[in-house]
């Protein structure tokens, strides 16, 4: 995804992703435990980042299982030494998946960067065996508007919309995930939203602070926010007396339908791919 703004080649990319994992890994692991990851499973982690979920899955599925971790930049994944892990450079928009292979396909915070995220979801579905589980975790920034600080709201809106605009995405899209899996015919669908309450200086605040550092020139250059207001927003993220809503961490999971049901759904939506 060459137009992705938050590239891993940035000097502080690992620190930024580690802060994200401190916040989100407990959510991901709880959801994976709930859907019932088992020893021997074949798993696909799409957009795996530094591989924290992939490592957890490797240990969960054991020596009889297998995990494939993909990303557009695999530099951090290459450092993992789990014997049942396979790493692929992969662009979800253009590269093919192995069809019908996996008991679990999961993806976290990548779909809102895409201009047509529903197409990426449909492609991930093809990688699942019938009855396999799909877990999608995304952010939707609708809670921002409920925060009491307007300078913070303006800063976060400018930051998040500029990030996704680079790749044609939408940071208010994830609320549609339960409906999308329903239309695809999934069974046993579960959905939840964990709304982050951000405190200045916390890991999630640090994550957004580093995101802001990486995006500063783009946000200011776009005219979305002045340099003065941008820097004031960053200062709020550092202040331990500051509290506000961040995004909603939305998780949706369900079981893949049979192939015949998928064909019926694709035709009803006017698509045959």
C-alpha atoms as a PDB file:
ATOM      1  CA  UNK A   1       0.000   0.000   0.000  1.00  0.00           C
ATOM      2  CA  UNK A   2       2.403   2.710  -1.224  1.00  0.00           C
ATOM      3  CA  UNK A   3       0.098   5.583  -0.181  1.00  0.00           C
ATOM      4  CA  UNK A   4      -0.167   4.403   3.431  1.00  0.00           C
ATOM      5  CA  UNK A   5       0.893   7.316   5.638  1.00  0.00           C
ATOM      6  CA  UNK A   6       2.163   5.574   8.791  1.00  0.00           C
ATOM      7  CA  UNK A   7       5.068   3.645   7.283  1.00  0.00           C
ATOM      8  CA  UNK A   8       7.197   1.333   9.422  1.00  0.00           C
ATOM      9  CA  UNK A   9      10.406   2.844   8.049  1.00  0.00           C
ATOM     10  CA  UNK A  10       9.846   5.893  10.293  1.00  0.00           C
ATOM     11  CA  UNK A  11      12.410   6.091  13.121  1.00  0.00           C
ATOM     12  CA  UNK A  12       9.823   5.785  15.902  1.00  0.00           C
ATOM     13  CA  UNK A  13       7.475   3.330  14.206  1.00  0.00           C
ATOM     14  CA  UNK A  14       8.276   0.426  16.527  1.00  0.00           C
ATOM     15  CA  UNK A  15       7.737   2.551  19.641  1.00  0.00           C
ATOM     16  CA  UNK A  16       4.426   3.780  18.225  1.00  0.00           C
ATOM     17  CA  UNK A  17       3.241   0.230  17.482  1.00  0.00           C
ATOM     18  CA  UNK A  18       4.383  -1.037  20.883  1.00  0.00           C
ATOM     19  CA  UNK A  19       2.254   1.606  22.583  1.00  0.00           C
ATOM     20  CA  UNK A  20      -0.704   0.538  20.466  1.00  0.00           C
ATOM     21  CA  UNK A  21      -0.165  -3.083  21.494  1.00  0.00           C
ATOM     22  CA  UNK A  22      -0.162  -2.156  25.177  1.00  0.00           C
ATOM     23  CA  UNK A  23      -3.661  -0.813  24.704  1.00  0.00           C
ATOM     24  CA  UNK A  24      -5.143  -3.241  22.180  1.00  0.00           C
ATOM     25  CA  UNK A  25      -3.496  -6.647  22.743  1.00  0.00           C
ATOM     26  CA  UNK A  26      -5.633  -7.467  25.815  1.00  0.00           C
ATOM     27  CA  UNK A  27      -8.775  -6.788  23.757  1.00  0.00           C
ATOM     28  CA  UNK A  28      -7.571  -8.951  20.872  1.00  0.00           C
ATOM     29  CA  UNK A  29      -6.559 -11.842  23.100  1.00  0.00           C
ATOM     30  CA  UNK A  30      -9.853 -11.818  24.966  1.00  0.00           C
ATOM     31  CA  UNK A  31     -11.789 -11.924  21.692  1.00  0.00           C
ATOM     32  CA  UNK A  32      -9.605 -14.716  20.313  1.00  0.00           C
ATOM     33  CA  UNK A  33     -10.097 -16.685  23.507  1.00  0.00           C
ATOM     34  CA  UNK A  34     -13.844 -16.177  23.246  1.00  0.00           C
ATOM     35  CA  UNK A  35     -14.085 -17.492  19.684  1.00  0.00           C
ATOM     36  CA  UNK A  36     -12.052 -20.514  20.799  1.00  0.00           C
ATOM     37  CA  UNK A  37      -8.636 -20.724  19.113  1.00  0.00           C
ATOM     38  CA  UNK A  38      -7.501 -24.354  19.386  1.00  0.00           C
ATOM     39  CA  UNK A  39      -4.220 -26.301  19.128  1.00  0.00           C
ATOM     40  CA  UNK A  40      -3.646 -27.389  15.540  1.00  0.00           C
ATOM     41  CA  UNK A  41      -5.450 -24.438  13.922  1.00  0.00           C
ATOM     42  CA  UNK A  42      -4.214 -22.811  10.725  1.00  0.00           C
ATOM     43  CA  UNK A  43      -4.296 -19.022  11.248  1.00  0.00           C
ATOM     44  CA  UNK A  44      -3.783 -15.951   9.057  1.00  0.00           C
ATOM     45  CA  UNK A  45      -2.904 -12.594  10.648  1.00  0.00           C
ATOM     46  CA  UNK A  46      -3.396  -9.859   8.023  1.00  0.00           C
ATOM     47  CA  UNK A  47      -1.449  -6.631   8.491  1.00  0.00           C
ATOM     48  CA  UNK A  48       0.428  -8.142  11.419  1.00  0.00           C
ATOM     49  CA  UNK A  49       2.650  -5.129  12.251  1.00  0.00           C
ATOM     50  CA  UNK A  50       5.205  -6.138  14.870  1.00  0.00           C
ATOM     51  CA  UNK A  51       3.556  -9.538  15.218  1.00  0.00           C
ATOM     52  CA  UNK A  52       2.284  -9.467  18.814  1.00  0.00           C
ATOM     53  CA  UNK A  53      -0.956 -11.227  17.819  1.00  0.00           C
ATOM     54  CA  UNK A  54       0.935 -13.647  15.556  1.00  0.00           C
ATOM     55  CA  UNK A  55       3.278 -14.635  18.388  1.00  0.00           C
ATOM     56  CA  UNK A  56       0.335 -15.238  20.720  1.00  0.00           C
ATOM     57  CA  UNK A  57      -1.397 -17.345  18.061  1.00  0.00           C
ATOM     58  CA  UNK A  58       1.753 -19.398  17.439  1.00  0.00           C
ATOM     59  CA  UNK A  59       1.864 -20.400  21.089  1.00  0.00           C
ATOM     60  CA  UNK A  60      -1.882 -21.005  21.226  1.00  0.00           C
ATOM     61  CA  UNK A  61      -2.069 -23.337  18.201  1.00  0.00           C
ATOM     62  CA  UNK A  62       1.101 -25.191  19.189  1.00  0.00           C
ATOM     63  CA  UNK A  63       3.421 -27.344  17.135  1.00  0.00           C
ATOM     64  CA  UNK A  64       0.527 -28.975  15.276  1.00  0.00           C
ATOM     65  CA  UNK A  65      -0.771 -25.573  14.170  1.00  0.00           C
ATOM     66  CA  UNK A  66       0.527 -22.927  11.810  1.00  0.00           C
ATOM     67  CA  UNK A  67       0.345 -19.128  11.597  1.00  0.00           C
ATOM     68  CA  UNK A  68       0.840 -16.982   8.500  1.00  0.00           C
ATOM     69  CA  UNK A  69       1.610 -13.322   9.208  1.00  0.00           C
ATOM     70  CA  UNK A  70       1.378 -10.785   6.383  1.00  0.00           C
ATOM     71  CA  UNK A  71       2.149  -7.087   6.016  1.00  0.00           C
ATOM     72  CA  UNK A  72       3.181  -4.570   3.383  1.00  0.00           C
ATOM     73  CA  UNK A  73       6.391  -4.117   5.415  1.00  0.00           C
ATOM     74  CA  UNK A  74       7.628  -7.232   7.212  1.00  0.00           C
ATOM     75  CA  UNK A  75      10.746  -5.778   8.864  1.00  0.00           C
ATOM     76  CA  UNK A  76       9.412  -6.292  12.409  1.00  0.00           C
ATOM     77  CA  UNK A  77       7.913  -9.688  11.639  1.00  0.00           C
ATOM     78  CA  UNK A  78      11.280 -10.976  10.445  1.00  0.00           C
ATOM     79  CA  UNK A  79      12.573 -10.702  14.015  1.00  0.00           C
ATOM     80  CA  UNK A  80      10.129 -13.349  15.301  1.00  0.00           C
ATOM     81  CA  UNK A  81      11.589 -16.839  15.756  1.00  0.00           C
ATOM     82  CA  UNK A  82       8.458 -18.944  16.383  1.00  0.00           C
ATOM     83  CA  UNK A  83       8.925 -22.274  14.524  1.00  0.00           C
ATOM     84  CA  UNK A  84       5.295 -22.468  13.347  1.00  0.00           C
ATOM     85  CA  UNK A  85       5.236 -18.938  11.853  1.00  0.00           C
ATOM     86  CA  UNK A  86       5.420 -18.131   8.143  1.00  0.00           C
ATOM     87  CA  UNK A  87       5.841 -14.529   6.959  1.00  0.00           C
ATOM     88  CA  UNK A  88       4.646 -13.033   3.685  1.00  0.00           C
ATOM     89  CA  UNK A  89       4.954  -9.589   2.164  1.00  0.00           C
ATOM     90  CA  UNK A  90       1.354  -8.953   1.116  1.00  0.00           C
ATOM     91  CA  UNK A  91      -0.838  -6.058  -0.049  1.00  0.00           C
ATOM     92  CA  UNK A  92      -4.433  -6.841   0.844  1.00  0.00           C
ATOM     93  CA  UNK A  93      -5.687  -4.714  -2.068  1.00  0.00           C
ATOM     94  CA  UNK A  94      -3.912  -6.642  -4.829  1.00  0.00           C
ATOM     95  CA  UNK A  95      -2.275  -9.872  -3.658  1.00  0.00           C
ATOM     96  CA  UNK A  96      -4.102 -13.208  -3.564  1.00  0.00           C
ATOM     97  CA  UNK A  97      -4.804 -15.287  -0.468  1.00  0.00           C
ATOM     98  CA  UNK A  98      -4.584 -19.062  -0.178  1.00  0.00           C
ATOM     99  CA  UNK A  99      -8.176 -20.169  -0.752  1.00  0.00           C
ATOM    100  CA  UNK A 100     -10.099 -22.154   1.857  1.00  0.00           C
ATOM    101  CA  UNK A 101      -7.077 -22.908   4.006  1.00  0.00           C
ATOM    102  CA  UNK A 102      -7.494 -21.204   7.381  1.00  0.00           C
ATOM    103  CA  UNK A 103      -9.440 -21.903  10.552  1.00  0.00           C
ATOM    104  CA  UNK A 104      -8.973 -18.256  11.552  1.00  0.00           C
ATOM    105  CA  UNK A 105      -8.339 -15.025   9.666  1.00  0.00           C
ATOM    106  CA  UNK A 106      -7.855 -11.881  11.732  1.00  0.00           C
ATOM    107  CA  UNK A 107      -7.045  -8.273  10.882  1.00  0.00           C
ATOM    108  CA  UNK A 108      -6.609  -5.266  13.153  1.00  0.00           C
ATOM    109  CA  UNK A 109      -6.833  -1.534  12.348  1.00  0.00           C
ATOM    110  CA  UNK A 110      -6.090  -1.826   8.627  1.00  0.00           C
ATOM    111  CA  UNK A 111      -9.470  -1.713   6.882  1.00  0.00           C
ATOM    112  CA  UNK A 112     -10.211   1.933   7.707  1.00  0.00           C
ATOM    113  CA  UNK A 113      -7.171   2.869   5.631  1.00  0.00           C
ATOM    114  CA  UNK A 114      -8.665   1.327   2.464  1.00  0.00           C
ATOM    115  CA  UNK A 115     -10.957   3.049  -0.057  1.00  0.00           C
ATOM    116  CA  UNK A 116     -13.083  -0.113  -0.483  1.00  0.00           C
ATOM    117  CA  UNK A 117     -12.727  -2.042   2.782  1.00  0.00           C
ATOM    118  CA  UNK A 118     -15.680  -4.330   2.077  1.00  0.00           C
ATOM    119  CA  UNK A 119     -13.797  -5.777  -0.905  1.00  0.00           C
ATOM    120  CA  UNK A 120     -10.842  -6.590   1.326  1.00  0.00           C
ATOM    121  CA  UNK A 121     -13.192  -8.326   3.772  1.00  0.00           C
ATOM    122  CA  UNK A 122     -14.706 -10.425   0.992  1.00  0.00           C
ATOM    123  CA  UNK A 123     -11.210 -11.425  -0.136  1.00  0.00           C
ATOM    124  CA  UNK A 124     -10.253 -12.441   3.401  1.00  0.00           C
ATOM    125  CA  UNK A 125     -13.377 -14.597   3.549  1.00  0.00           C
ATOM    126  CA  UNK A 126     -12.086 -16.652   0.614  1.00  0.00           C
ATOM    127  CA  UNK A 127      -9.031 -17.614   2.690  1.00  0.00           C
ATOM    128  CA  UNK A 128     -11.256 -19.261   5.319  1.00  0.00           C
ATOM    129  CA  UNK A 129     -12.353 -22.851   5.214  1.00  0.00           C
ATOM    130  CA  UNK A 130     -16.138 -23.289   5.565  1.00  0.00           C
ATOM    131  CA  UNK A 131     -16.897 -22.873   9.252  1.00  0.00           C
ATOM    132  CA  UNK A 132     -13.668 -20.978   9.887  1.00  0.00           C
ATOM    133  CA  UNK A 133     -13.650 -17.816  11.990  1.00  0.00           C
ATOM    134  CA  UNK A 134     -13.122 -14.234  10.841  1.00  0.00           C
ATOM    135  CA  UNK A 135     -12.139 -11.634  13.466  1.00  0.00           C
ATOM    136  CA  UNK A 136     -12.058  -7.994  12.353  1.00  0.00           C
ATOM    137  CA  UNK A 137     -10.921  -5.285  14.759  1.00  0.00           C
ATOM    138  CA  UNK A 138     -11.223  -1.690  13.644  1.00  0.00           C
ATOM    139  CA  UNK A 139     -11.421   1.812  15.047  1.00  0.00           C
ATOM    140  CA  UNK A 140     -14.342   4.184  14.606  1.00  0.00           C
ATOM    141  CA  UNK A 141     -13.757   7.706  15.900  1.00  0.00           C
ATOM    142  CA  UNK A 142     -17.386   8.616  16.562  1.00  0.00           C
ATOM    143  CA  UNK A 143     -16.767   9.043  20.354  1.00  0.00           C
ATOM    144  CA  UNK A 144     -14.499  12.042  19.742  1.00  0.00           C
ATOM    145  CA  UNK A 145     -17.459  14.389  19.489  1.00  0.00           C
ATOM    146  CA  UNK A 146     -18.485  13.592  23.060  1.00  0.00           C
ATOM    147  CA  UNK A 147     -15.231  14.898  24.515  1.00  0.00           C
ATOM    148  CA  UNK A 148     -15.481  18.123  26.488  1.00  0.00           C
ATOM    149  CA  UNK A 149     -12.389  19.793  25.017  1.00  0.00           C
ATOM    150  CA  UNK A 150     -13.049  21.335  21.609  1.00  0.00           C
ATOM    151  CA  UNK A 151      -9.327  21.935  20.923  1.00  0.00           C
ATOM    152  CA  UNK A 152      -8.748  18.214  21.488  1.00  0.00           C
ATOM    153  CA  UNK A 153     -11.695  17.267  19.259  1.00  0.00           C
ATOM    154  CA  UNK A 154     -10.465  19.543  16.461  1.00  0.00           C
ATOM    155  CA  UNK A 155      -6.904  18.189  16.783  1.00  0.00           C
ATOM    156  CA  UNK A 156      -7.919  14.530  16.749  1.00  0.00           C
ATOM    157  CA  UNK A 157     -10.328  14.971  13.868  1.00  0.00           C
ATOM    158  CA  UNK A 158      -7.673  16.735  11.809  1.00  0.00           C
ATOM    159  CA  UNK A 159      -5.119  14.038  12.645  1.00  0.00           C
ATOM    160  CA  UNK A 160      -7.286  10.993  11.984  1.00  0.00           C
ATOM    161  CA  UNK A 161      -8.908  12.296   8.802  1.00  0.00           C
ATOM    162  CA  UNK A 162      -5.534  13.302   7.357  1.00  0.00           C
ATOM    163  CA  UNK A 163      -4.085   9.856   8.075  1.00  0.00           C
ATOM    164  CA  UNK A 164      -6.833   7.981   6.243  1.00  0.00           C
ATOM    165  CA  UNK A 165      -7.146  10.550   3.442  1.00  0.00           C
ATOM    166  CA  UNK A 166      -3.646   9.594   2.280  1.00  0.00           C
ATOM    167  CA  UNK A 167      -4.856   6.121   1.287  1.00  0.00           C
ATOM    168  CA  UNK A 168      -8.504   6.927   0.578  1.00  0.00           C
ATOM    169  CA  UNK A 169      -9.905   5.414   3.769  1.00  0.00           C
ATOM    170  CA  UNK A 170     -12.610   6.363   6.252  1.00  0.00           C
ATOM    171  CA  UNK A 171     -12.147   6.495  10.038  1.00  0.00           C
ATOM    172  CA  UNK A 172     -15.929   6.482  10.610  1.00  0.00           C
ATOM    173  CA  UNK A 173     -16.554   3.247   8.702  1.00  0.00           C
ATOM    174  CA  UNK A 174     -16.119   0.443  11.247  1.00  0.00           C
ATOM    175  CA  UNK A 175     -19.636   0.792  12.650  1.00  0.00           C
ATOM    176  CA  UNK A 176     -20.858  -0.995   9.504  1.00  0.00           C
ATOM    177  CA  UNK A 177     -18.886  -4.206  10.166  1.00  0.00           C
ATOM    178  CA  UNK A 178     -21.677  -6.177  11.894  1.00  0.00           C
ATOM    179  CA  UNK A 179     -24.022  -5.441   8.990  1.00  0.00           C
ATOM    180  CA  UNK A 180     -21.351  -6.427   6.471  1.00  0.00           C
ATOM    181  CA  UNK A 181     -20.777  -9.844   8.064  1.00  0.00           C
ATOM    182  CA  UNK A 182     -24.535 -10.335   8.241  1.00  0.00           C
ATOM    183  CA  UNK A 183     -24.854  -9.624   4.496  1.00  0.00           C
ATOM    184  CA  UNK A 184     -22.045 -12.087   3.822  1.00  0.00           C
ATOM    185  CA  UNK A 185     -24.070 -14.788   5.546  1.00  0.00           C
ATOM    186  CA  UNK A 186     -21.803 -15.348   8.536  1.00  0.00           C
ATOM    187  CA  UNK A 187     -23.043 -17.434  11.449  1.00  0.00           C
ATOM    188  CA  UNK A 188     -22.581 -16.857  15.165  1.00  0.00           C
ATOM    189  CA  UNK A 189     -21.765 -13.186  14.704  1.00  0.00           C
ATOM    190  CA  UNK A 190     -20.621 -11.317  17.795  1.00  0.00           C
ATOM    191  CA  UNK A 191     -19.848  -7.603  17.968  1.00  0.00           C
ATOM    192  CA  UNK A 192     -18.678  -5.185  20.611  1.00  0.00           C
ATOM    193  CA  UNK A 193     -17.159  -1.732  20.988  1.00  0.00           C
ATOM    194  CA  UNK A 194     -14.660  -0.760  23.642  1.00  0.00           C
ATOM    195  CA  UNK A 195     -14.523   3.045  23.915  1.00  0.00           C
ATOM    196  CA  UNK A 196     -11.086   4.203  25.011  1.00  0.00           C
ATOM    197  CA  UNK A 197     -10.956   6.895  27.674  1.00  0.00           C
ATOM    198  CA  UNK A 198      -7.665   8.589  26.989  1.00  0.00           C
ATOM    199  CA  UNK A 199      -5.568  10.087  29.769  1.00  0.00           C
ATOM    200  CA  UNK A 200      -2.628  12.285  28.903  1.00  0.00           C
ATOM    201  CA  UNK A 201       0.624  10.355  29.219  1.00  0.00           C
ATOM    202  CA  UNK A 202      -1.031   6.922  28.954  1.00  0.00           C
ATOM    203  CA  UNK A 203       0.018   4.335  26.320  1.00  0.00           C
ATOM    204  CA  UNK A 204      -2.934   5.164  24.053  1.00  0.00           C
ATOM    205  CA  UNK A 205      -2.161   8.892  24.381  1.00  0.00           C
ATOM    206  CA  UNK A 206       1.476   8.136  23.561  1.00  0.00           C
ATOM    207  CA  UNK A 207       0.358   6.193  20.494  1.00  0.00           C
ATOM    208  CA  UNK A 208      -1.572   9.199  19.196  1.00  0.00           C
ATOM    209  CA  UNK A 209       1.251  11.522  20.182  1.00  0.00           C
ATOM    210  CA  UNK A 210       3.692   9.585  17.999  1.00  0.00           C
ATOM    211  CA  UNK A 211       1.098   9.345  15.233  1.00  0.00           C
ATOM    212  CA  UNK A 212       0.888  13.142  15.402  1.00  0.00           C
ATOM    213  CA  UNK A 213       4.678  13.458  15.242  1.00  0.00           C
ATOM    214  CA  UNK A 214       4.752  11.287  12.113  1.00  0.00           C
ATOM    215  CA  UNK A 215       1.877  13.211  10.524  1.00  0.00           C
ATOM    216  CA  UNK A 216       2.647  16.790  11.660  1.00  0.00           C
ATOM    217  CA  UNK A 217       3.808  18.193   8.327  1.00  0.00           C
ATOM    218  CA  UNK A 218       0.956  16.566   6.404  1.00  0.00           C
ATOM    219  CA  UNK A 219      -1.740  17.815   8.773  1.00  0.00           C
ATOM    220  CA  UNK A 220      -0.440  21.371   8.867  1.00  0.00           C
ATOM    221  CA  UNK A 221       0.377  21.364   5.162  1.00  0.00           C
ATOM    222  CA  UNK A 222      -3.152  20.260   4.289  1.00  0.00           C
ATOM    223  CA  UNK A 223      -4.623  23.249   6.116  1.00  0.00           C
ATOM    224  CA  UNK A 224      -6.639  20.977   8.411  1.00  0.00           C
ATOM    225  CA  UNK A 225      -5.137  22.674  11.479  1.00  0.00           C
ATOM    226  CA  UNK A 226      -2.674  25.473  12.180  1.00  0.00           C
ATOM    227  CA  UNK A 227       0.723  24.679  13.689  1.00  0.00           C
ATOM    228  CA  UNK A 228      -0.275  26.456  16.912  1.00  0.00           C
ATOM    229  CA  UNK A 229      -3.484  24.447  17.358  1.00  0.00           C
ATOM    230  CA  UNK A 230      -1.740  21.221  16.353  1.00  0.00           C
ATOM    231  CA  UNK A 231       0.969  21.669  18.983  1.00  0.00           C
ATOM    232  CA  UNK A 232      -1.645  22.580  21.597  1.00  0.00           C
ATOM    233  CA  UNK A 233      -3.397  19.284  20.839  1.00  0.00           C
ATOM    234  CA  UNK A 234      -0.137  17.369  21.304  1.00  0.00           C
ATOM    235  CA  UNK A 235       0.366  19.091  24.656  1.00  0.00           C
ATOM    236  CA  UNK A 236      -3.018  17.767  25.816  1.00  0.00           C
ATOM    237  CA  UNK A 237      -1.869  14.228  25.026  1.00  0.00           C
ATOM    238  CA  UNK A 238       1.099  14.744  27.359  1.00  0.00           C
ATOM    239  CA  UNK A 239      -0.897  16.202  30.271  1.00  0.00           C
ATOM    240  CA  UNK A 240      -1.777  13.577  32.949  1.00  0.00           C
ATOM    241  CA  UNK A 241      -4.622  15.809  34.167  1.00  0.00           C
ATOM    242  CA  UNK A 242      -6.318  15.628  30.762  1.00  0.00           C
ATOM    243  CA  UNK A 243      -9.070  13.045  30.083  1.00  0.00           C
ATOM    244  CA  UNK A 244     -11.082  12.534  26.892  1.00  0.00           C
ATOM    245  CA  UNK A 245     -12.627   9.924  24.637  1.00  0.00           C
ATOM    246  CA  UNK A 246     -10.479   8.426  21.896  1.00  0.00           C
ATOM    247  CA  UNK A 247     -11.818   5.973  19.311  1.00  0.00           C
ATOM    248  CA  UNK A 248     -14.094   2.990  19.713  1.00  0.00           C
ATOM    249  CA  UNK A 249     -12.213  -0.291  19.315  1.00  0.00           C
ATOM    250  CA  UNK A 250     -14.812  -2.305  17.433  1.00  0.00           C
ATOM    251  CA  UNK A 251     -14.503  -6.084  17.244  1.00  0.00           C
ATOM    252  CA  UNK A 252     -16.699  -8.282  15.062  1.00  0.00           C
ATOM    253  CA  UNK A 253     -16.331 -12.039  14.584  1.00  0.00           C
ATOM    254  CA  UNK A 254     -18.271 -14.886  13.048  1.00  0.00           C
ATOM    255  CA  UNK A 255     -18.117 -18.188  11.126  1.00  0.00           C
ATOM    256  CA  UNK A 256     -17.690 -18.365   7.354  1.00  0.00           C
ATOM    257  CA  UNK A 257     -20.680 -19.676   5.401  1.00  0.00           C
ATOM    258  CA  UNK A 258     -20.442 -22.422   2.802  1.00  0.00           C
ATOM    259  CA  UNK A 259     -19.205 -21.638  -0.684  1.00  0.00           C
ATOM    260  CA  UNK A 260     -22.659 -21.856  -2.282  1.00  0.00           C
ATOM    261  CA  UNK A 261     -23.967 -19.243   0.154  1.00  0.00           C
ATOM    262  CA  UNK A 262     -21.052 -16.944  -0.662  1.00  0.00           C
ATOM    263  CA  UNK A 263     -21.799 -17.180  -4.400  1.00  0.00           C
ATOM    264  CA  UNK A 264     -25.431 -16.309  -3.776  1.00  0.00           C
ATOM    265  CA  UNK A 265     -24.443 -13.251  -1.756  1.00  0.00           C
ATOM    266  CA  UNK A 266     -21.900 -12.095  -4.348  1.00  0.00           C
ATOM    267  CA  UNK A 267     -24.488 -12.318  -7.144  1.00  0.00           C
ATOM    268  CA  UNK A 268     -27.091 -10.464  -5.072  1.00  0.00           C
ATOM    269  CA  UNK A 269     -24.577  -7.617  -4.651  1.00  0.00           C
ATOM    270  CA  UNK A 270     -23.792  -7.540  -8.367  1.00  0.00           C
ATOM    271  CA  UNK A 271     -20.297  -9.029  -7.994  1.00  0.00           C
ATOM    272  CA  UNK A 272     -18.806 -12.324  -9.181  1.00  0.00           C
ATOM    273  CA  UNK A 273     -15.172 -12.017  -8.061  1.00  0.00           C
END
